[in-house]
Amino acid sequence: MTLTTRAHAGTITDALRPFNRRPIDTHSAAPYARAMLSAALAALSALLCAALLVAERRESVGARLVTKSLASLAFVAAAVATLVAAGATDSAAGRATLVALVLSLIGDVLLVPSDPRAFLAGLGAFLLAHLAFAGAFLARGVTPTPTLVAALALLPVALFVGRWLLPHVEAAMRAPVVAYMTAISIMVALSVGAAAHTGRADLVIAAIVFFLSDLTVARDRFVAPGFPNRLVGLPLYYAAQIAFALGAA
């Protein structure tokens, strides 16, 4: 080897030495991996929703229970992964959102049987879920004026829905249904205020989509039962819950 060749080799070795000595930072990849896990769990929830639609079409109670439980468990897990990835496990808004999603999971399971008592219990679980979502919005902060405007805009909507729905609801269920309608309307109004305060449009979009999905549940349970209600409503519902899960932080 000539002196020139040795000089070039030494120069290349010196240039590469800092890279050879630099340790691999495994911690920097962890948040990305957790975020990918959140996305994967959200995708799994969507796929299981598709499987649930097949079970609904076939009217298989067992398959409905399994697919619905797993689909909802997946969006709860996605929320946990989102909070961990963002380092927001101590966030009041994040915890309230997680509580809301767990209550929704419980409500989903209770709504599978055709038993009226199970339906009432499921309605109660979802009412509490909407109050928890409302708490999450309050924890994020809400701007009063948009919240008030949204509440005033929702009032005629709620009255219209009540006029359409309540004549089909048996007397014993009317008070719980009205309480539920009030809770979800408050939740949607607060989502507008939270979106105005934080600049996060995903909050109000998820809330409105949830509201729309509940109309299909009401139609299916009280007005005109049938698979088309679930064909429209279930994708809307899981889209809303996945949005809440991915935005939990």
C-alpha atoms as a PDB file:
ATOM      1  CA  MET A   1       0.000   0.000   0.000  1.00  0.00           C
ATOM      2  CA  THR A   2       1.358   3.391  -0.993  1.00  0.00           C
ATOM      3  CA  LEU A   3       1.574   6.334   1.347  1.00  0.00           C
ATOM      4  CA  THR A   4      -1.205   8.076  -0.616  1.00  0.00           C
ATOM      5  CA  THR A   5      -3.559   5.069  -0.277  1.00  0.00           C
ATOM      6  CA  ARG A   6      -2.852   4.848   3.443  1.00  0.00           C
ATOM      7  CA  ALA A   7      -3.635   8.555   3.827  1.00  0.00           C
ATOM      8  CA  HIS A   8      -6.980   8.132   2.057  1.00  0.00           C
ATOM      9  CA  ALA A   9      -7.858   5.101   4.187  1.00  0.00           C
ATOM     10  CA  GLY A  10      -7.025   7.006   7.351  1.00  0.00           C
ATOM     11  CA  THR A  11      -9.174   9.932   6.285  1.00  0.00           C
ATOM     12  CA  ILE A  12     -12.205   7.682   5.614  1.00  0.00           C
ATOM     13  CA  THR A  13     -11.750   5.879   8.944  1.00  0.00           C
ATOM     14  CA  ASP A  14     -11.575   9.159  10.825  1.00  0.00           C
ATOM     15  CA  ALA A  15     -14.717  10.413   9.071  1.00  0.00           C
ATOM     16  CA  LEU A  16     -16.674   7.277   9.973  1.00  0.00           C
ATOM     17  CA  ARG A  17     -15.474   7.056  13.583  1.00  0.00           C
ATOM     18  CA  PRO A  18     -18.203   9.378  15.051  1.00  0.00           C
ATOM     19  CA  PHE A  19     -20.892   7.264  13.416  1.00  0.00           C
ATOM     20  CA  ASN A  20     -19.362   4.028  14.630  1.00  0.00           C
ATOM     21  CA  ARG A  21     -19.235   5.288  18.197  1.00  0.00           C
ATOM     22  CA  ARG A  22     -22.803   6.742  18.234  1.00  0.00           C
ATOM     23  CA  PRO A  23     -25.158   4.437  20.206  1.00  0.00           C
ATOM     24  CA  ILE A  24     -28.499   3.450  18.697  1.00  0.00           C
ATOM     25  CA  ASP A  25     -31.261   5.500  20.310  1.00  0.00           C
ATOM     26  CA  THR A  26     -34.012   2.982  20.899  1.00  0.00           C
ATOM     27  CA  HIS A  27     -36.048   5.465  22.941  1.00  0.00           C
ATOM     28  CA  SER A  28     -36.630   7.834  20.004  1.00  0.00           C
ATOM     29  CA  ALA A  29     -38.350   5.046  18.062  1.00  0.00           C
ATOM     30  CA  ALA A  30     -40.705   4.139  20.918  1.00  0.00           C
ATOM     31  CA  PRO A  31     -43.288   6.958  20.454  1.00  0.00           C
ATOM     32  CA  TYR A  32     -43.472   6.194  16.737  1.00  0.00           C
ATOM     33  CA  ALA A  33     -44.005   2.492  17.451  1.00  0.00           C
ATOM     34  CA  ARG A  34     -46.753   3.300  19.960  1.00  0.00           C
ATOM     35  CA  ALA A  35     -48.442   5.622  17.486  1.00  0.00           C
ATOM     36  CA  MET A  36     -48.331   2.853  14.897  1.00  0.00           C
ATOM     37  CA  LEU A  37     -49.884   0.522  17.475  1.00  0.00           C
ATOM     38  CA  SER A  38     -52.747   2.994  17.985  1.00  0.00           C
ATOM     39  CA  ALA A  39     -53.350   3.118  14.239  1.00  0.00           C
ATOM     40  CA  ALA A  40     -53.222  -0.673  13.969  1.00  0.00           C
ATOM     41  CA  LEU A  41     -55.761  -1.097  16.768  1.00  0.00           C
ATOM     42  CA  ALA A  42     -58.028   1.483  15.134  1.00  0.00           C
ATOM     43  CA  ALA A  43     -57.808  -0.415  11.844  1.00  0.00           C
ATOM     44  CA  LEU A  44     -58.581  -3.650  13.689  1.00  0.00           C
ATOM     45  CA  SER A  45     -61.684  -2.050  15.196  1.00  0.00           C
ATOM     46  CA  ALA A  46     -62.836  -1.016  11.716  1.00  0.00           C
ATOM     47  CA  LEU A  47     -62.261  -4.521  10.340  1.00  0.00           C
ATOM     48  CA  LEU A  48     -64.166  -6.067  13.231  1.00  0.00           C
ATOM     49  CA  CYS A  49     -66.998  -3.615  12.550  1.00  0.00           C
ATOM     50  CA  ALA A  50     -67.194  -5.074   9.037  1.00  0.00           C
ATOM     51  CA  ALA A  51     -67.313  -8.566  10.546  1.00  0.00           C
ATOM     52  CA  LEU A  52     -70.048  -7.365  12.905  1.00  0.00           C
ATOM     53  CA  LEU A  53     -72.131  -6.236   9.943  1.00  0.00           C
ATOM     54  CA  VAL A  54     -71.882  -9.745   8.496  1.00  0.00           C
ATOM     55  CA  ALA A  55     -73.015 -11.191  11.828  1.00  0.00           C
ATOM     56  CA  GLU A  56     -75.885  -8.693  11.953  1.00  0.00           C
ATOM     57  CA  ARG A  57     -76.966  -9.646   8.461  1.00  0.00           C
ATOM     58  CA  ARG A  58     -76.942 -13.341   9.408  1.00  0.00           C
ATOM     59  CA  GLU A  59     -78.744 -12.560  12.690  1.00  0.00           C
ATOM     60  CA  SER A  60     -76.231 -14.610  14.666  1.00  0.00           C
ATOM     61  CA  VAL A  61     -76.405 -13.493  18.303  1.00  0.00           C
ATOM     62  CA  GLY A  62     -73.204 -15.310  19.252  1.00  0.00           C
ATOM     63  CA  ALA A  63     -71.204 -13.859  16.373  1.00  0.00           C
ATOM     64  CA  ARG A  64     -72.645 -10.401  17.075  1.00  0.00           C
ATOM     65  CA  LEU A  65     -71.569 -10.591  20.705  1.00  0.00           C
ATOM     66  CA  VAL A  66     -68.025 -11.690  19.841  1.00  0.00           C
ATOM     67  CA  THR A  67     -67.388  -9.271  16.979  1.00  0.00           C
ATOM     68  CA  LYS A  68     -69.000  -6.294  18.706  1.00  0.00           C
ATOM     69  CA  SER A  69     -67.126  -6.889  21.946  1.00  0.00           C
ATOM     70  CA  LEU A  70     -63.800  -7.235  20.146  1.00  0.00           C
ATOM     71  CA  ALA A  71     -64.410  -4.216  17.893  1.00  0.00           C
ATOM     72  CA  SER A  72     -65.183  -2.041  20.904  1.00  0.00           C
ATOM     73  CA  LEU A  73     -62.315  -3.477  22.940  1.00  0.00           C
ATOM     74  CA  ALA A  74     -60.021  -2.527  20.044  1.00  0.00           C
ATOM     75  CA  PHE A  75     -60.996   1.158  20.151  1.00  0.00           C
ATOM     76  CA  VAL A  76     -60.498   1.182  23.933  1.00  0.00           C
ATOM     77  CA  ALA A  77     -57.034  -0.320  23.433  1.00  0.00           C
ATOM     78  CA  ALA A  78     -56.332   2.251  20.702  1.00  0.00           C
ATOM     79  CA  ALA A  79     -57.130   5.027  23.173  1.00  0.00           C
ATOM     80  CA  VAL A  80     -54.770   3.555  25.769  1.00  0.00           C
ATOM     81  CA  ALA A  81     -52.005   3.269  23.160  1.00  0.00           C
ATOM     82  CA  THR A  82     -52.641   6.867  22.061  1.00  0.00           C
ATOM     83  CA  LEU A  83     -52.366   8.201  25.607  1.00  0.00           C
ATOM     84  CA  VAL A  84     -49.197   6.205  26.292  1.00  0.00           C
ATOM     85  CA  ALA A  85     -47.622   7.311  22.999  1.00  0.00           C
ATOM     86  CA  ALA A  86     -48.336  10.961  23.789  1.00  0.00           C
ATOM     87  CA  GLY A  87     -47.222  10.642  27.409  1.00  0.00           C
ATOM     88  CA  ALA A  88     -50.688  11.862  28.396  1.00  0.00           C
ATOM     89  CA  THR A  89     -51.792   9.105  30.760  1.00  0.00           C
ATOM     90  CA  ASP A  90     -52.160  11.706  33.522  1.00  0.00           C
ATOM     91  CA  SER A  91     -54.281  14.016  31.359  1.00  0.00           C
ATOM     92  CA  ALA A  92     -57.740  14.676  32.815  1.00  0.00           C
ATOM     93  CA  ALA A  93     -59.228  14.922  29.336  1.00  0.00           C
ATOM     94  CA  GLY A  94     -57.515  11.713  28.257  1.00  0.00           C
ATOM     95  CA  ARG A  95     -58.709   9.804  31.292  1.00  0.00           C
ATOM     96  CA  ALA A  96     -62.276  11.058  30.864  1.00  0.00           C
ATOM     97  CA  THR A  97     -62.213  10.013  27.207  1.00  0.00           C
ATOM     98  CA  LEU A  98     -60.953   6.569  28.189  1.00  0.00           C
ATOM     99  CA  VAL A  99     -63.734   6.230  30.780  1.00  0.00           C
ATOM    100  CA  ALA A 100     -66.275   7.220  28.105  1.00  0.00           C
ATOM    101  CA  LEU A 101     -64.938   4.594  25.722  1.00  0.00           C
ATOM    102  CA  VAL A 102     -65.008   1.876  28.392  1.00  0.00           C
ATOM    103  CA  LEU A 103     -68.613   2.788  29.231  1.00  0.00           C
ATOM    104  CA  SER A 104     -69.392   2.596  25.509  1.00  0.00           C
ATOM    105  CA  LEU A 105     -67.861  -0.886  25.396  1.00  0.00           C
ATOM    106  CA  ILE A 106     -70.133  -1.931  28.265  1.00  0.00           C
ATOM    107  CA  GLY A 107     -73.122  -0.386  26.503  1.00  0.00           C
ATOM    108  CA  ASP A 108     -72.272  -2.208  23.279  1.00  0.00           C
ATOM    109  CA  VAL A 109     -72.282  -5.570  25.032  1.00  0.00           C
ATOM    110  CA  LEU A 110     -75.569  -4.808  26.819  1.00  0.00           C
ATOM    111  CA  LEU A 111     -77.299  -3.821  23.569  1.00  0.00           C
ATOM    112  CA  VAL A 112     -76.651  -7.178  21.897  1.00  0.00           C
ATOM    113  CA  PRO A 113     -79.463  -9.134  23.624  1.00  0.00           C
ATOM    114  CA  SER A 114     -83.066  -8.307  22.794  1.00  0.00           C
ATOM    115  CA  ASP A 115     -84.006  -8.179  26.487  1.00  0.00           C
ATOM    116  CA  PRO A 116     -85.593  -4.789  27.412  1.00  0.00           C
ATOM    117  CA  ARG A 117     -83.763  -4.675  30.754  1.00  0.00           C
ATOM    118  CA  ALA A 118     -80.432  -5.130  28.989  1.00  0.00           C
ATOM    119  CA  PHE A 119     -81.361  -2.365  26.555  1.00  0.00           C
ATOM    120  CA  LEU A 120     -82.200  -0.013  29.437  1.00  0.00           C
ATOM    121  CA  ALA A 121     -78.893  -0.842  31.133  1.00  0.00           C
ATOM    122  CA  GLY A 122     -77.074  -0.250  27.844  1.00  0.00           C
ATOM    123  CA  LEU A 123     -78.861   3.078  27.440  1.00  0.00           C
ATOM    124  CA  GLY A 124     -77.692   4.023  30.925  1.00  0.00           C
ATOM    125  CA  ALA A 125     -74.096   3.057  30.117  1.00  0.00           C
ATOM    126  CA  PHE A 126     -74.120   5.237  27.003  1.00  0.00           C
ATOM    127  CA  LEU A 127     -75.720   8.127  28.883  1.00  0.00           C
ATOM    128  CA  LEU A 128     -72.821   7.992  31.345  1.00  0.00           C
ATOM    129  CA  ALA A 129     -70.417   7.723  28.397  1.00  0.00           C
ATOM    130  CA  HIS A 130     -71.769  10.964  26.935  1.00  0.00           C
ATOM    131  CA  LEU A 131     -71.377  12.681  30.296  1.00  0.00           C
ATOM    132  CA  ALA A 132     -67.783  11.428  30.425  1.00  0.00           C
ATOM    133  CA  PHE A 133     -67.132  12.767  26.914  1.00  0.00           C
ATOM    134  CA  ALA A 134     -68.650  16.066  28.072  1.00  0.00           C
ATOM    135  CA  GLY A 135     -66.269  16.024  31.026  1.00  0.00           C
ATOM    136  CA  ALA A 136     -63.357  15.446  28.658  1.00  0.00           C
ATOM    137  CA  PHE A 137     -64.366  18.482  26.609  1.00  0.00           C
ATOM    138  CA  LEU A 138     -64.624  20.612  29.736  1.00  0.00           C
ATOM    139  CA  ALA A 139     -61.182  19.420  30.817  1.00  0.00           C
ATOM    140  CA  ARG A 140     -59.758  20.562  27.466  1.00  0.00           C
ATOM    141  CA  GLY A 141     -61.446  23.931  27.872  1.00  0.00           C
ATOM    142  CA  VAL A 142     -64.499  25.312  26.090  1.00  0.00           C
ATOM    143  CA  THR A 143     -65.232  28.711  24.588  1.00  0.00           C
ATOM    144  CA  PRO A 144     -68.596  29.875  25.992  1.00  0.00           C
ATOM    145  CA  THR A 145     -70.111  31.641  22.973  1.00  0.00           C
ATOM    146  CA  PRO A 146     -69.731  28.787  20.435  1.00  0.00           C
ATOM    147  CA  THR A 147     -70.982  26.365  23.098  1.00  0.00           C
ATOM    148  CA  LEU A 148     -74.104  28.453  23.682  1.00  0.00           C
ATOM    149  CA  VAL A 149     -74.723  28.898  19.950  1.00  0.00           C
ATOM    150  CA  ALA A 150     -74.395  25.141  19.438  1.00  0.00           C
ATOM    151  CA  ALA A 151     -76.781  24.432  22.321  1.00  0.00           C
ATOM    152  CA  LEU A 152     -79.371  26.822  20.858  1.00  0.00           C
ATOM    153  CA  ALA A 153     -78.955  25.227  17.416  1.00  0.00           C
ATOM    154  CA  LEU A 154     -79.355  21.740  18.887  1.00  0.00           C
ATOM    155  CA  LEU A 155     -82.569  22.628  20.723  1.00  0.00           C
ATOM    156  CA  PRO A 156     -84.867  22.531  17.666  1.00  0.00           C
ATOM    157  CA  VAL A 157     -83.038  19.430  16.433  1.00  0.00           C
ATOM    158  CA  ALA A 158     -83.704  17.670  19.738  1.00  0.00           C
ATOM    159  CA  LEU A 159     -87.342  18.782  19.687  1.00  0.00           C
ATOM    160  CA  PHE A 160     -87.746  17.481  16.131  1.00  0.00           C
ATOM    161  CA  VAL A 161     -86.153  14.139  17.026  1.00  0.00           C
ATOM    162  CA  GLY A 162     -88.344  13.872  20.126  1.00  0.00           C
ATOM    163  CA  ARG A 163     -91.491  14.585  18.151  1.00  0.00           C
ATOM    164  CA  TRP A 164     -90.501  11.908  15.641  1.00  0.00           C
ATOM    165  CA  LEU A 165     -89.309   9.320  18.159  1.00  0.00           C
ATOM    166  CA  LEU A 166     -91.293   9.564  21.389  1.00  0.00           C
ATOM    167  CA  PRO A 167     -94.695   8.483  19.975  1.00  0.00           C
ATOM    168  CA  HIS A 168     -93.044   5.140  19.180  1.00  0.00           C
ATOM    169  CA  VAL A 169     -91.470   4.739  22.630  1.00  0.00           C
ATOM    170  CA  GLU A 170     -93.335   2.823  25.316  1.00  0.00           C
ATOM    171  CA  ALA A 171     -94.325   4.921  28.331  1.00  0.00           C
ATOM    172  CA  ALA A 172     -91.837   3.303  30.726  1.00  0.00           C
ATOM    173  CA  MET A 173     -88.929   4.146  28.408  1.00  0.00           C
ATOM    174  CA  ARG A 174     -89.784   7.757  27.609  1.00  0.00           C
ATOM    175  CA  ALA A 175     -88.053   9.354  30.603  1.00  0.00           C
ATOM    176  CA  PRO A 176     -84.776   7.433  30.037  1.00  0.00           C
ATOM    177  CA  VAL A 177     -84.881   8.270  26.317  1.00  0.00           C
ATOM    178  CA  VAL A 178     -85.424  11.984  27.024  1.00  0.00           C
ATOM    179  CA  ALA A 179     -82.567  11.924  29.563  1.00  0.00           C
ATOM    180  CA  TYR A 180     -80.354  10.263  26.968  1.00  0.00           C
ATOM    181  CA  MET A 181     -81.260  12.802  24.293  1.00  0.00           C
ATOM    182  CA  THR A 182     -80.416  15.594  26.725  1.00  0.00           C
ATOM    183  CA  ALA A 183     -77.038  14.062  27.579  1.00  0.00           C
ATOM    184  CA  ILE A 184     -75.949  13.561  23.976  1.00  0.00           C
ATOM    185  CA  SER A 185     -77.093  17.082  23.028  1.00  0.00           C
ATOM    186  CA  ILE A 186     -75.003  18.537  25.869  1.00  0.00           C
ATOM    187  CA  MET A 187     -72.050  16.448  24.724  1.00  0.00           C
ATOM    188  CA  VAL A 188     -72.300  17.723  21.139  1.00  0.00           C
ATOM    189  CA  ALA A 189     -72.668  21.360  22.267  1.00  0.00           C
ATOM    190  CA  LEU A 190     -69.576  21.070  24.484  1.00  0.00           C
ATOM    191  CA  SER A 191     -67.638  19.466  21.638  1.00  0.00           C
ATOM    192  CA  VAL A 192     -68.213  22.632  19.609  1.00  0.00           C
ATOM    193  CA  GLY A 193     -66.946  24.743  22.489  1.00  0.00           C
ATOM    194  CA  ALA A 194     -63.900  22.506  22.940  1.00  0.00           C
ATOM    195  CA  ALA A 195     -63.144  22.592  19.221  1.00  0.00           C
ATOM    196  CA  ALA A 196     -63.329  26.386  19.270  1.00  0.00           C
ATOM    197  CA  HIS A 197     -60.998  26.526  22.286  1.00  0.00           C
ATOM    198  CA  THR A 198     -58.428  23.989  21.080  1.00  0.00           C
ATOM    199  CA  GLY A 199     -58.706  24.302  17.301  1.00  0.00           C
ATOM    200  CA  ARG A 200     -59.399  20.577  17.053  1.00  0.00           C
ATOM    201  CA  ALA A 201     -62.193  19.986  14.556  1.00  0.00           C
ATOM    202  CA  ASP A 202     -61.933  16.214  15.096  1.00  0.00           C
ATOM    203  CA  LEU A 203     -63.702  16.579  18.455  1.00  0.00           C
ATOM    204  CA  VAL A 204     -66.883  18.086  17.037  1.00  0.00           C
ATOM    205  CA  ILE A 205     -66.858  15.819  13.964  1.00  0.00           C
ATOM    206  CA  ALA A 206     -66.677  12.711  16.168  1.00  0.00           C
ATOM    207  CA  ALA A 207     -69.469  14.018  18.404  1.00  0.00           C
ATOM    208  CA  ILE A 208     -71.798  14.787  15.490  1.00  0.00           C
ATOM    209  CA  VAL A 209     -71.132  11.414  13.854  1.00  0.00           C
ATOM    210  CA  PHE A 210     -71.906   9.727  17.183  1.00  0.00           C
ATOM    211  CA  PHE A 211     -75.178  11.695  17.349  1.00  0.00           C
ATOM    212  CA  LEU A 212     -76.120  10.549  13.843  1.00  0.00           C
ATOM    213  CA  SER A 213     -75.317   6.931  14.661  1.00  0.00           C
ATOM    214  CA  ASP A 214     -77.632   7.114  17.675  1.00  0.00           C
ATOM    215  CA  LEU A 215     -80.513   8.158  15.427  1.00  0.00           C
ATOM    216  CA  THR A 216     -80.150   4.865  13.566  1.00  0.00           C
ATOM    217  CA  VAL A 217     -80.173   2.979  16.886  1.00  0.00           C
ATOM    218  CA  ALA A 218     -83.359   4.777  17.912  1.00  0.00           C
ATOM    219  CA  ARG A 219     -84.989   4.035  14.564  1.00  0.00           C
ATOM    220  CA  ASP A 220     -83.979   0.382  14.784  1.00  0.00           C
ATOM    221  CA  ARG A 221     -85.198  -0.038  18.364  1.00  0.00           C
ATOM    222  CA  PHE A 222     -88.409   1.996  18.336  1.00  0.00           C
ATOM    223  CA  VAL A 223     -89.553   2.996  14.847  1.00  0.00           C
ATOM    224  CA  ALA A 224     -88.600   0.643  12.009  1.00  0.00           C
ATOM    225  CA  PRO A 225     -86.373  -2.300  12.994  1.00  0.00           C
ATOM    226  CA  GLY A 226     -84.195  -3.745  10.284  1.00  0.00           C
ATOM    227  CA  PHE A 227     -80.671  -4.408   9.061  1.00  0.00           C
ATOM    228  CA  PRO A 228     -80.418  -1.163   7.005  1.00  0.00           C
ATOM    229  CA  ASN A 229     -80.334   0.794  10.277  1.00  0.00           C
ATOM    230  CA  ARG A 230     -77.282  -1.139  11.431  1.00  0.00           C
ATOM    231  CA  LEU A 231     -75.693  -1.048   7.985  1.00  0.00           C
ATOM    232  CA  VAL A 232     -75.609   2.739   8.241  1.00  0.00           C
ATOM    233  CA  GLY A 233     -75.346   3.194  11.994  1.00  0.00           C
ATOM    234  CA  LEU A 234     -72.568   0.803  12.984  1.00  0.00           C
ATOM    235  CA  PRO A 235     -69.902   2.236  10.634  1.00  0.00           C
ATOM    236  CA  LEU A 236     -70.841   5.737  11.819  1.00  0.00           C
ATOM    237  CA  TYR A 237     -70.609   4.666  15.452  1.00  0.00           C
ATOM    238  CA  TYR A 238     -67.228   2.973  15.125  1.00  0.00           C
ATOM    239  CA  ALA A 239     -65.866   5.855  13.050  1.00  0.00           C
ATOM    240  CA  ALA A 240     -66.804   8.240  15.872  1.00  0.00           C
ATOM    241  CA  GLN A 241     -65.315   6.051  18.591  1.00  0.00           C
ATOM    242  CA  ILE A 242     -62.109   5.479  16.644  1.00  0.00           C
ATOM    243  CA  ALA A 243     -61.805   9.249  16.150  1.00  0.00           C
ATOM    244  CA  PHE A 244     -62.265   9.808  19.889  1.00  0.00           C
ATOM    245  CA  ALA A 245     -59.704   7.082  20.642  1.00  0.00           C
ATOM    246  CA  LEU A 246     -57.048   8.449  18.294  1.00  0.00           C
ATOM    247  CA  GLY A 247     -57.679  11.954  19.605  1.00  0.00           C
ATOM    248  CA  ALA A 248     -57.732  10.969  23.278  1.00  0.00           C
ATOM    249  CA  ALA A 249     -54.503  12.836  24.016  1.00  0.00           C
END
